[in-house]
Amino acid sequence: MALVYSTDGGRMCPRCRQPQASCRCAQQAKQAVHGDGRVRVSRERGGRGGKTVTLVRGLALDAVALEALGKRLRSACGAGGAAKDGVLEIQGDHVERVLALLIAEGHAAKRAGG
């Protein structure tokens, strides 16, 4: 059973069991690295209503750096997209352009899939 409220500090964080005001779980989650360092760029269409997206997986970056890299890639491709669960999604088929940009930035990126 998880402690939710304490008369000493009010609301408690269920993960770290600290008062909500001094909880650091959200900051630690933003700083967590999601990828394994093997950068793979692929194209996917399934489950997206027939729309093609370019996916970049395996980037060993925290959430802030991943979002910044995603913004640079999206602006270079002239497309929209998002960063979800450590995976960059860029709308459209931009695999070759994204590969070239990642290699230029120093990432050891490879094409995955057909």
C-alpha atoms as a PDB file:
ATOM      1  CA  MET A   1       0.000   0.000   0.000  1.00  0.00           C
ATOM      2  CA  ALA A   2       1.447   3.369  -1.044  1.00  0.00           C
ATOM      3  CA  LEU A   3       1.586   6.374   1.237  1.00  0.00           C
ATOM      4  CA  VAL A   4      -0.360   9.200  -0.407  1.00  0.00           C
ATOM      5  CA  TYR A   5      -0.820  11.785   2.342  1.00  0.00           C
ATOM      6  CA  SER A   6       1.021  12.575   5.559  1.00  0.00           C
ATOM      7  CA  THR A   7       0.038  15.067   8.213  1.00  0.00           C
ATOM      8  CA  ASP A   8       3.667  16.244   8.394  1.00  0.00           C
ATOM      9  CA  GLY A   9       4.231  17.248   4.782  1.00  0.00           C
ATOM     10  CA  GLY A  10       0.865  17.011   3.036  1.00  0.00           C
ATOM     11  CA  ARG A  11       0.778  15.192  -0.326  1.00  0.00           C
ATOM     12  CA  MET A  12       3.526  12.610  -0.819  1.00  0.00           C
ATOM     13  CA  CYS A  13       5.148  11.382  -4.014  1.00  0.00           C
ATOM     14  CA  PRO A  14       4.350   7.666  -4.465  1.00  0.00           C
ATOM     15  CA  ARG A  15       7.765   6.916  -6.049  1.00  0.00           C
ATOM     16  CA  CYS A  16      10.268   8.589  -3.720  1.00  0.00           C
ATOM     17  CA  ARG A  17       7.958   8.992  -0.682  1.00  0.00           C
ATOM     18  CA  GLN A  18       9.038  12.606  -0.226  1.00  0.00           C
ATOM     19  CA  PRO A  19       6.661  15.567   0.210  1.00  0.00           C
ATOM     20  CA  GLN A  20       5.359  16.768  -3.174  1.00  0.00           C
ATOM     21  CA  ALA A  21       7.144  20.127  -2.758  1.00  0.00           C
ATOM     22  CA  SER A  22      10.586  18.497  -2.439  1.00  0.00           C
ATOM     23  CA  CYS A  23      10.066  15.619  -4.921  1.00  0.00           C
ATOM     24  CA  ARG A  24      12.769  15.336  -7.592  1.00  0.00           C
ATOM     25  CA  CYS A  25      11.260  12.477  -9.613  1.00  0.00           C
ATOM     26  CA  ALA A  26      10.139  14.691 -12.525  1.00  0.00           C
ATOM     27  CA  GLN A  27      13.590  16.277 -12.875  1.00  0.00           C
ATOM     28  CA  GLN A  28      15.283  12.888 -12.770  1.00  0.00           C
ATOM     29  CA  ALA A  29      12.935  11.566 -15.448  1.00  0.00           C
ATOM     30  CA  LYS A  30      13.850  14.477 -17.754  1.00  0.00           C
ATOM     31  CA  GLN A  31      17.566  13.833 -17.244  1.00  0.00           C
ATOM     32  CA  ALA A  32      17.265  10.091 -17.863  1.00  0.00           C
ATOM     33  CA  VAL A  33      18.878   8.780 -21.048  1.00  0.00           C
ATOM     34  CA  HIS A  34      16.504   6.616 -23.091  1.00  0.00           C
ATOM     35  CA  GLY A  35      18.631   5.282 -25.965  1.00  0.00           C
ATOM     36  CA  ASP A  36      21.384   2.699 -26.104  1.00  0.00           C
ATOM     37  CA  GLY A  37      23.720   4.712 -28.338  1.00  0.00           C
ATOM     38  CA  ARG A  38      23.100   2.667 -31.502  1.00  0.00           C
ATOM     39  CA  VAL A  39      21.290   5.215 -33.651  1.00  0.00           C
ATOM     40  CA  ARG A  40      18.940   3.646 -36.184  1.00  0.00           C
ATOM     41  CA  VAL A  41      16.925   5.593 -38.762  1.00  0.00           C
ATOM     42  CA  SER A  42      13.932   3.884 -40.353  1.00  0.00           C
ATOM     43  CA  ARG A  43      10.772   4.602 -42.294  1.00  0.00           C
ATOM     44  CA  GLU A  44       7.403   3.384 -41.040  1.00  0.00           C
ATOM     45  CA  ARG A  45       3.855   3.573 -42.289  1.00  0.00           C
ATOM     46  CA  GLY A  46       1.917   1.005 -40.265  1.00  0.00           C
ATOM     47  CA  GLY A  47      -0.669   2.204 -37.780  1.00  0.00           C
ATOM     48  CA  ARG A  48      -0.493   5.804 -38.956  1.00  0.00           C
ATOM     49  CA  GLY A  49      -3.388   5.968 -41.381  1.00  0.00           C
ATOM     50  CA  GLY A  50      -1.163   5.395 -44.417  1.00  0.00           C
ATOM     51  CA  LYS A  51       1.106   8.351 -43.593  1.00  0.00           C
ATOM     52  CA  THR A  52       4.862   7.787 -43.761  1.00  0.00           C
ATOM     53  CA  VAL A  53       7.105   8.869 -40.887  1.00  0.00           C
ATOM     54  CA  THR A  54      10.857   8.723 -40.373  1.00  0.00           C
ATOM     55  CA  LEU A  55      11.849   7.284 -36.992  1.00  0.00           C
ATOM     56  CA  VAL A  56      15.159   7.854 -35.185  1.00  0.00           C
ATOM     57  CA  ARG A  57      15.754   5.359 -32.366  1.00  0.00           C
ATOM     58  CA  GLY A  58      18.618   4.739 -29.964  1.00  0.00           C
ATOM     59  CA  LEU A  59      19.857   8.278 -29.369  1.00  0.00           C
ATOM     60  CA  ALA A  60      21.634   8.386 -26.004  1.00  0.00           C
ATOM     61  CA  LEU A  61      20.330  11.856 -25.094  1.00  0.00           C
ATOM     62  CA  ASP A  62      18.240  13.238 -22.265  1.00  0.00           C
ATOM     63  CA  ALA A  63      14.759  14.610 -22.993  1.00  0.00           C
ATOM     64  CA  VAL A  64      15.872  18.235 -23.434  1.00  0.00           C
ATOM     65  CA  ALA A  65      18.715  17.409 -25.848  1.00  0.00           C
ATOM     66  CA  LEU A  66      16.487  14.965 -27.740  1.00  0.00           C
ATOM     67  CA  GLU A  67      13.832  17.638 -28.212  1.00  0.00           C
ATOM     68  CA  ALA A  68      16.454  20.150 -29.432  1.00  0.00           C
ATOM     69  CA  LEU A  69      17.885  17.661 -31.935  1.00  0.00           C
ATOM     70  CA  GLY A  70      14.369  16.831 -33.103  1.00  0.00           C
ATOM     71  CA  LYS A  71      13.655  20.505 -33.708  1.00  0.00           C
ATOM     72  CA  ARG A  72      16.830  20.896 -35.784  1.00  0.00           C
ATOM     73  CA  LEU A  73      16.012  17.802 -37.845  1.00  0.00           C
ATOM     74  CA  ARG A  74      12.400  18.840 -38.411  1.00  0.00           C
ATOM     75  CA  SER A  75      13.398  22.335 -39.533  1.00  0.00           C
ATOM     76  CA  ALA A  76      16.073  20.941 -41.873  1.00  0.00           C
ATOM     77  CA  CYS A  77      13.507  18.589 -43.425  1.00  0.00           C
ATOM     78  CA  GLY A  78      10.731  21.175 -43.483  1.00  0.00           C
ATOM     79  CA  ALA A  79       8.375  18.793 -41.725  1.00  0.00           C
ATOM     80  CA  GLY A  80       6.574  18.327 -38.453  1.00  0.00           C
ATOM     81  CA  GLY A  81       7.047  15.611 -35.907  1.00  0.00           C
ATOM     82  CA  ALA A  82       7.488  14.800 -32.242  1.00  0.00           C
ATOM     83  CA  ALA A  83       9.753  13.194 -29.656  1.00  0.00           C
ATOM     84  CA  LYS A  84       8.002  10.334 -27.862  1.00  0.00           C
ATOM     85  CA  ASP A  85       9.590   7.903 -25.380  1.00  0.00           C
ATOM     86  CA  GLY A  86      13.122   8.488 -26.652  1.00  0.00           C
ATOM     87  CA  VAL A  87      12.125   8.120 -30.322  1.00  0.00           C
ATOM     88  CA  LEU A  88      12.119  11.027 -32.780  1.00  0.00           C
ATOM     89  CA  GLU A  89       9.306  11.009 -35.312  1.00  0.00           C
ATOM     90  CA  ILE A  90       9.582  13.188 -38.412  1.00  0.00           C
ATOM     91  CA  GLN A  91       6.627  13.358 -40.770  1.00  0.00           C
ATOM     92  CA  GLY A  92       7.368  12.155 -44.285  1.00  0.00           C
ATOM     93  CA  ASP A  93      10.061  10.035 -45.913  1.00  0.00           C
ATOM     94  CA  HIS A  94      13.291  11.857 -44.995  1.00  0.00           C
ATOM     95  CA  VAL A  95      15.557   8.906 -44.153  1.00  0.00           C
ATOM     96  CA  GLU A  96      18.514   9.929 -46.330  1.00  0.00           C
ATOM     97  CA  ARG A  97      18.441  13.579 -45.248  1.00  0.00           C
ATOM     98  CA  VAL A  98      18.145  12.668 -41.540  1.00  0.00           C
ATOM     99  CA  LEU A  99      21.010  10.157 -41.851  1.00  0.00           C
ATOM    100  CA  ALA A 100      23.251  12.799 -43.425  1.00  0.00           C
ATOM    101  CA  LEU A 101      22.382  15.358 -40.739  1.00  0.00           C
ATOM    102  CA  LEU A 102      22.974  12.916 -37.879  1.00  0.00           C
ATOM    103  CA  ILE A 103      26.339  11.841 -39.272  1.00  0.00           C
ATOM    104  CA  ALA A 104      27.304  15.507 -39.723  1.00  0.00           C
ATOM    105  CA  GLU A 105      26.513  16.088 -36.033  1.00  0.00           C
ATOM    106  CA  GLY A 106      28.764  13.205 -34.995  1.00  0.00           C
ATOM    107  CA  HIS A 107      26.237  10.428 -34.342  1.00  0.00           C
ATOM    108  CA  ALA A 108      27.049   6.950 -35.672  1.00  0.00           C
ATOM    109  CA  ALA A 109      23.714   6.509 -37.422  1.00  0.00           C
ATOM    110  CA  LYS A 110      22.677   3.581 -39.608  1.00  0.00           C
ATOM    111  CA  ARG A 111      19.674   2.895 -41.774  1.00  0.00           C
ATOM    112  CA  ALA A 112      17.358   0.224 -40.390  1.00  0.00           C
ATOM    113  CA  GLY A 113      14.692  -1.666 -42.286  1.00  0.00           C
ATOM    114  CA  GLY A 114      14.181  -1.960 -46.010  1.00  0.00           C
END
